[in-house]
């Protein structure tokens, strides 16, 4: 598979900005020789409703093509970021998307409606607790429930080192293993470490890894491992480039339930030397 994502952000004030994104994904099954691609165009806005409340709204269309057929579906991504109390972050979200991990799933036109809640609790003693809850309703009438929770400890500040324990629990109403990963019950426990720091004044790095065990329904436990590494260089005040690589054999990490490797580039370019609202052109 090959994937690109191009996003343009235009901030009009410290409270309001607009975004426009174009996403393209092409995928091929070398065994069945099935090919498919999807084009997604999304427009959005970010607006700070109050000092500790940020609304993110994105709406667009997904056009998917396979063989001699195609379809178009609307996509939606709504998020409300809140800070209810000191050292606490809460995100409420709704997302409508089209499953596009591989050619077979693109062809089936499976629409997913995700209803989610993310909560992070920090403390003054370097411990933290992150939890994600998600309920998904699909157009094929399947239903998924997901719980992910992580207890972590901030070991160092420079470099920033975080270690912890993750637990994941997933259920599906219907089991359709020949189409996508959909066990009646899935569990995973892993330990992880994440380190971030500077190689030089203009070059930074980030490395994370996790290992543990997973259990799919009543099958025997299997070992899991995932890792991600990236290096970012700031070529100028307005341009940066980073390279990254990912690997995972965690069954829940993909819709098909198999291991994957991903390598990519990320670039960020600030077109203007100063923001548009530098001369008080804003909506405050």
Protein backbone atom coordinates (compact mmCIF):
# COMPACT_ATOMS: atom_id res chain seq x y z
CA UNK A 1 0.00 0.00 0.00
CA UNK A 2 1.04 3.61 -0.59
CA UNK A 3 -0.43 6.57 1.31
CA UNK A 4 -0.05 10.35 1.13
CA UNK A 5 -1.59 13.10 3.25
CA UNK A 6 -1.23 16.78 2.39
CA UNK A 7 -2.67 19.34 4.81
CA UNK A 8 -2.75 23.13 4.61
CA UNK A 9 -3.48 25.07 7.82
CA UNK A 10 -4.51 28.74 7.71
CA UNK A 11 -4.73 30.37 11.16
CA UNK A 12 -6.73 33.61 11.25
CA UNK A 13 -6.22 34.23 14.97
CA UNK A 14 -4.95 32.49 18.07
CA UNK A 15 -8.48 31.10 18.48
CA UNK A 16 -9.49 30.19 14.95
CA UNK A 17 -7.88 28.36 12.05
CA UNK A 18 -9.02 26.48 8.96
CA UNK A 19 -7.58 23.33 7.40
CA UNK A 20 -7.76 21.60 4.04
CA UNK A 21 -6.47 18.05 3.55
CA UNK A 22 -6.09 15.66 0.64
CA UNK A 23 -5.45 11.99 1.35
CA UNK A 24 -4.66 9.34 -1.24
CA UNK A 25 -4.25 5.62 -0.63
CA UNK A 26 -3.62 2.88 -3.16
CA UNK A 27 -3.44 -0.76 -2.19
CA UNK A 28 -2.88 -4.06 -3.98
CA UNK A 29 -3.25 -7.69 -2.93
CA UNK A 30 -0.41 -9.51 -4.69
CA UNK A 31 -2.13 -12.88 -4.14
CA UNK A 32 -5.59 -12.06 -5.53
CA UNK A 33 -4.23 -9.23 -7.75
CA UNK A 34 -7.03 -6.98 -6.48
CA UNK A 35 -6.27 -3.26 -6.69
CA UNK A 36 -8.10 -0.30 -5.20
CA UNK A 37 -7.51 3.32 -4.30
CA UNK A 38 -9.26 6.04 -2.35
CA UNK A 39 -9.20 9.84 -2.59
CA UNK A 40 -10.31 11.85 0.45
CA UNK A 41 -10.74 15.64 0.55
CA UNK A 42 -11.50 17.18 3.94
CA UNK A 43 -12.10 20.80 5.02
CA UNK A 44 -12.15 21.76 8.66
CA UNK A 45 -11.89 24.38 11.34
CA UNK A 46 -10.42 24.60 14.82
CA UNK A 47 -12.04 27.08 17.18
CA UNK A 48 -11.21 27.74 20.83
CA UNK A 49 -14.65 27.99 22.44
CA UNK A 50 -13.18 29.02 25.80
CA UNK A 51 -9.70 29.01 27.37
CA UNK A 52 -9.75 25.25 28.05
CA UNK A 53 -12.06 24.08 25.28
CA UNK A 54 -11.12 23.50 21.61
CA UNK A 55 -13.56 22.39 18.91
CA UNK A 56 -12.20 20.56 15.85
CA UNK A 57 -14.66 19.95 13.01
CA UNK A 58 -13.74 18.30 9.71
CA UNK A 59 -16.08 17.36 6.86
CA UNK A 60 -15.25 15.89 3.46
CA UNK A 61 -15.80 13.22 0.85
CA UNK A 62 -14.19 9.85 0.17
CA UNK A 63 -14.09 8.59 -3.40
CA UNK A 64 -12.98 4.96 -3.67
CA UNK A 65 -12.30 3.06 -6.89
CA UNK A 66 -11.75 -0.63 -7.57
CA UNK A 67 -11.79 -2.61 -10.83
CA UNK A 68 -14.42 -0.84 -13.00
CA UNK A 69 -16.55 0.43 -10.13
CA UNK A 70 -16.46 3.33 -7.66
CA UNK A 71 -18.44 5.02 -4.91
CA UNK A 72 -18.44 8.28 -2.95
CA UNK A 73 -19.19 8.64 0.75
CA UNK A 74 -19.17 11.61 3.15
CA UNK A 75 -16.60 11.59 5.97
CA UNK A 76 -16.85 13.46 9.27
CA UNK A 77 -14.46 13.99 12.17
CA UNK A 78 -15.63 16.00 15.20
CA UNK A 79 -13.61 16.45 18.39
CA UNK A 80 -14.00 18.53 21.52
CA UNK A 81 -10.80 18.89 23.57
CA UNK A 82 -11.35 19.89 27.19
CA UNK A 83 -9.31 20.44 30.35
CA UNK A 84 -11.91 19.90 33.08
CA UNK A 85 -9.38 20.16 35.92
CA UNK A 86 -5.69 20.82 36.40
CA UNK A 87 -3.47 18.13 34.79
CA UNK A 88 -6.47 16.48 33.15
CA UNK A 89 -7.35 16.27 29.45
CA UNK A 90 -10.61 14.98 28.02
CA UNK A 91 -11.51 14.49 24.35
CA UNK A 92 -15.01 13.65 23.12
CA UNK A 93 -15.27 12.62 19.48
CA UNK A 94 -17.34 11.30 16.60
CA UNK A 95 -15.87 10.06 13.32
CA UNK A 96 -17.46 8.70 10.16
CA UNK A 97 -14.99 6.99 7.84
CA UNK A 98 -14.74 4.36 5.13
CA UNK A 99 -12.66 1.25 5.84
CA UNK A 100 -9.74 1.41 3.38
CA UNK A 101 -6.93 -0.70 4.82
CA UNK A 102 -6.78 -3.07 1.84
CA UNK A 103 -8.36 -3.59 -1.58
CA UNK A 104 -10.91 -6.14 -0.38
CA UNK A 105 -12.22 -3.82 2.34
CA UNK A 106 -12.41 -0.84 -0.02
CA UNK A 107 -14.51 -2.92 -2.40
CA UNK A 108 -17.00 -3.82 0.36
CA UNK A 109 -17.76 -0.13 1.14
CA UNK A 110 -17.87 -0.59 4.92
CA UNK A 111 -18.80 2.64 6.71
CA UNK A 112 -17.65 3.03 10.31
CA UNK A 113 -19.22 5.41 12.85
CA UNK A 114 -16.92 5.84 15.86
CA UNK A 115 -18.06 7.38 19.14
CA UNK A 116 -15.07 7.95 21.40
CA UNK A 117 -13.76 9.31 24.68
CA UNK A 118 -10.10 9.88 25.56
CA UNK A 119 -9.02 10.82 29.07
CA UNK A 120 -5.56 11.56 30.44
CA UNK A 121 -4.77 12.17 34.10
CA UNK A 122 -1.40 13.59 35.09
CA UNK A 123 0.04 13.87 38.60
CA UNK A 124 2.75 15.77 40.46
CA UNK A 125 4.66 12.53 41.10
CA UNK A 126 5.36 11.72 37.41
CA UNK A 127 2.69 9.03 37.14
CA UNK A 128 -0.02 9.29 34.50
CA UNK A 129 -3.07 7.35 33.39
CA UNK A 130 -4.51 7.39 29.86
CA UNK A 131 -7.77 5.72 28.83
CA UNK A 132 -9.58 5.43 25.50
CA UNK A 133 -13.14 4.15 25.08
CA UNK A 134 -14.64 3.67 21.62
CA UNK A 135 -17.95 2.33 20.33
CA UNK A 136 -18.15 1.65 16.58
CA UNK A 137 -21.24 0.94 14.49
CA UNK A 138 -20.64 -0.31 10.94
CA UNK A 139 -22.75 -0.33 7.80
CA UNK A 140 -22.53 -4.14 7.67
CA UNK A 141 -24.41 -4.09 11.03
CA UNK A 142 -21.37 -5.22 12.99
CA UNK A 143 -20.55 -3.46 16.27
CA UNK A 144 -17.14 -3.04 17.90
CA UNK A 145 -16.33 -1.94 21.44
CA UNK A 146 -12.77 -0.98 22.40
CA UNK A 147 -11.04 -0.21 25.69
CA UNK A 148 -7.41 0.89 25.84
CA UNK A 149 -5.82 1.97 29.10
CA UNK A 150 -2.22 2.85 29.95
CA UNK A 151 -0.51 3.48 33.28
CA UNK A 152 2.82 5.24 32.71
CA UNK A 153 5.69 6.88 34.58
CA UNK A 154 7.79 9.81 33.36
CA UNK A 155 11.29 8.61 34.23
CA UNK A 156 13.41 11.44 32.79
CA UNK A 157 12.92 14.92 31.37
CA UNK A 158 16.05 15.18 29.17
CA UNK A 159 15.83 13.03 27.22
CA UNK A 160 12.11 12.60 27.84
CA UNK A 161 11.72 8.96 28.88
CA UNK A 162 8.34 7.41 29.63
CA UNK A 163 7.65 3.77 30.57
CA UNK A 164 4.45 1.97 31.40
CA UNK A 165 1.93 -0.82 31.09
CA UNK A 166 -0.84 -1.03 28.46
CA UNK A 167 -4.02 -3.10 28.39
CA UNK A 168 -6.39 -3.46 25.43
CA UNK A 169 -9.80 -5.16 25.21
CA UNK A 170 -11.90 -5.42 22.03
CA UNK A 171 -15.19 -7.15 21.24
CA UNK A 172 -17.16 -7.57 18.00
CA UNK A 173 -20.84 -8.46 17.78
CA UNK A 174 -20.36 -10.59 14.65
CA UNK A 175 -17.35 -12.68 13.70
CA UNK A 176 -16.39 -12.44 10.01
CA UNK A 177 -12.71 -13.53 10.01
CA UNK A 178 -12.63 -14.12 6.25
CA UNK A 179 -13.37 -10.41 5.67
CA UNK A 180 -11.65 -8.56 8.54
CA UNK A 181 -10.29 -9.10 12.05
CA UNK A 182 -13.42 -9.33 14.23
CA UNK A 183 -13.01 -11.67 17.22
CA UNK A 184 -15.72 -12.06 19.82
CA UNK A 185 -13.08 -11.15 22.40
CA UNK A 186 -9.52 -9.87 22.09
CA UNK A 187 -7.11 -8.90 24.88
CA UNK A 188 -3.52 -7.65 24.94
CA UNK A 189 -1.12 -6.66 27.71
CA UNK A 190 2.22 -5.00 27.01
CA UNK A 191 5.01 -3.03 28.61
CA UNK A 192 6.33 -0.05 26.69
CA UNK A 193 9.02 2.61 26.66
CA UNK A 194 9.12 5.93 24.81
CA UNK A 195 12.17 8.18 24.58
CA UNK A 196 12.49 11.57 22.86
CA UNK A 197 15.43 13.94 22.72
CA UNK A 198 17.92 15.95 20.68
CA UNK A 199 20.74 14.66 18.51
CA UNK A 200 21.89 18.20 17.81
CA UNK A 201 20.51 21.72 18.04
CA UNK A 202 18.34 21.22 14.95
CA UNK A 203 17.84 17.45 14.96
CA UNK A 204 15.50 15.51 17.25
CA UNK A 205 14.58 11.86 17.57
CA UNK A 206 11.77 9.73 18.99
CA UNK A 207 11.83 5.98 19.63
CA UNK A 208 9.11 3.82 21.18
CA UNK A 209 8.76 0.06 21.61
CA UNK A 210 6.34 -2.31 23.32
CA UNK A 211 6.19 -6.05 23.90
CA UNK A 212 3.75 -8.38 25.62
CA UNK A 213 1.13 -11.03 24.95
CA UNK A 214 -2.20 -11.12 23.14
CA UNK A 215 -5.11 -13.54 23.28
CA UNK A 216 -7.67 -13.92 20.50
CA UNK A 217 -10.86 -15.55 21.81
CA UNK A 218 -9.85 -18.95 23.24
CA UNK A 219 -6.66 -19.35 21.19
CA UNK A 220 -3.32 -19.74 23.01
CA UNK A 221 -1.45 -16.59 24.00
CA UNK A 222 0.97 -15.22 21.41
CA UNK A 223 3.84 -12.78 21.77
CA UNK A 224 3.49 -9.27 20.39
CA UNK A 225 5.99 -6.56 19.52
CA UNK A 226 5.73 -3.12 18.01
CA UNK A 227 8.25 -0.34 17.49
CA UNK A 228 8.43 3.11 15.95
CA UNK A 229 11.37 5.43 15.32
CA UNK A 230 11.67 8.87 13.75
CA UNK A 231 14.28 11.55 13.14
CA UNK A 232 13.39 15.18 12.46
CA UNK A 233 15.67 17.93 11.18
CA UNK A 234 14.85 21.65 11.22
CA UNK A 235 16.45 22.96 8.02
CA UNK A 236 15.25 26.51 8.67
CA UNK A 237 12.79 28.38 10.84
CA UNK A 238 10.05 27.57 8.33
CA UNK A 239 10.93 24.11 6.98
CA UNK A 240 11.44 20.75 8.68
CA UNK A 241 11.65 17.18 7.41
CA UNK A 242 11.36 13.90 9.27
CA UNK A 243 11.68 10.22 8.39
CA UNK A 244 9.98 7.45 10.32
CA UNK A 245 9.52 3.68 10.40
CA UNK A 246 6.95 1.47 12.13
CA UNK A 247 6.55 -2.25 12.73
CA UNK A 248 3.80 -4.15 14.52
CA UNK A 249 2.55 -7.72 14.77
CA UNK A 250 -0.33 -6.81 17.10
CA UNK A 251 -3.50 -8.30 15.62
CA UNK A 252 -5.67 -5.29 16.53
CA UNK A 253 -3.33 -2.82 14.82
CA UNK A 254 -4.78 -3.55 11.37
CA UNK A 255 -8.24 -4.33 10.09
CA UNK A 256 -6.98 -7.62 8.69
CA UNK A 257 -5.20 -8.77 11.84
CA UNK A 258 -1.69 -9.33 10.49
CA UNK A 259 1.72 -7.73 10.93
CA UNK A 260 2.77 -4.68 8.95
CA UNK A 261 5.75 -2.46 8.29
CA UNK A 262 5.49 1.22 7.37
CA UNK A 263 8.16 3.68 6.23
CA UNK A 264 7.50 7.32 5.47
CA UNK A 265 8.48 10.98 5.21
CA UNK A 266 6.89 14.04 6.79
CA UNK A 267 7.54 17.62 5.74
CA UNK A 268 6.33 20.89 7.27
CA UNK A 269 6.67 24.24 5.56
CA UNK A 270 5.49 27.59 6.91
CA UNK A 271 4.63 29.61 3.78
CA UNK A 272 4.68 33.01 5.46
CA UNK A 273 7.27 34.58 7.72
CA UNK A 274 4.52 35.91 10.00
CA UNK A 275 0.94 34.76 10.69
CA UNK A 276 -1.95 36.41 8.87
CA UNK A 277 -3.20 37.96 12.10
CA UNK A 278 0.16 39.59 12.86
CA UNK A 279 -1.35 43.02 12.18
CA UNK A 280 -4.45 42.40 14.29
CA UNK A 281 -6.35 40.72 11.44
CA UNK A 282 -8.30 38.28 13.62
CA UNK A 283 -11.73 37.27 14.91
CA UNK A 284 -11.02 37.68 18.64
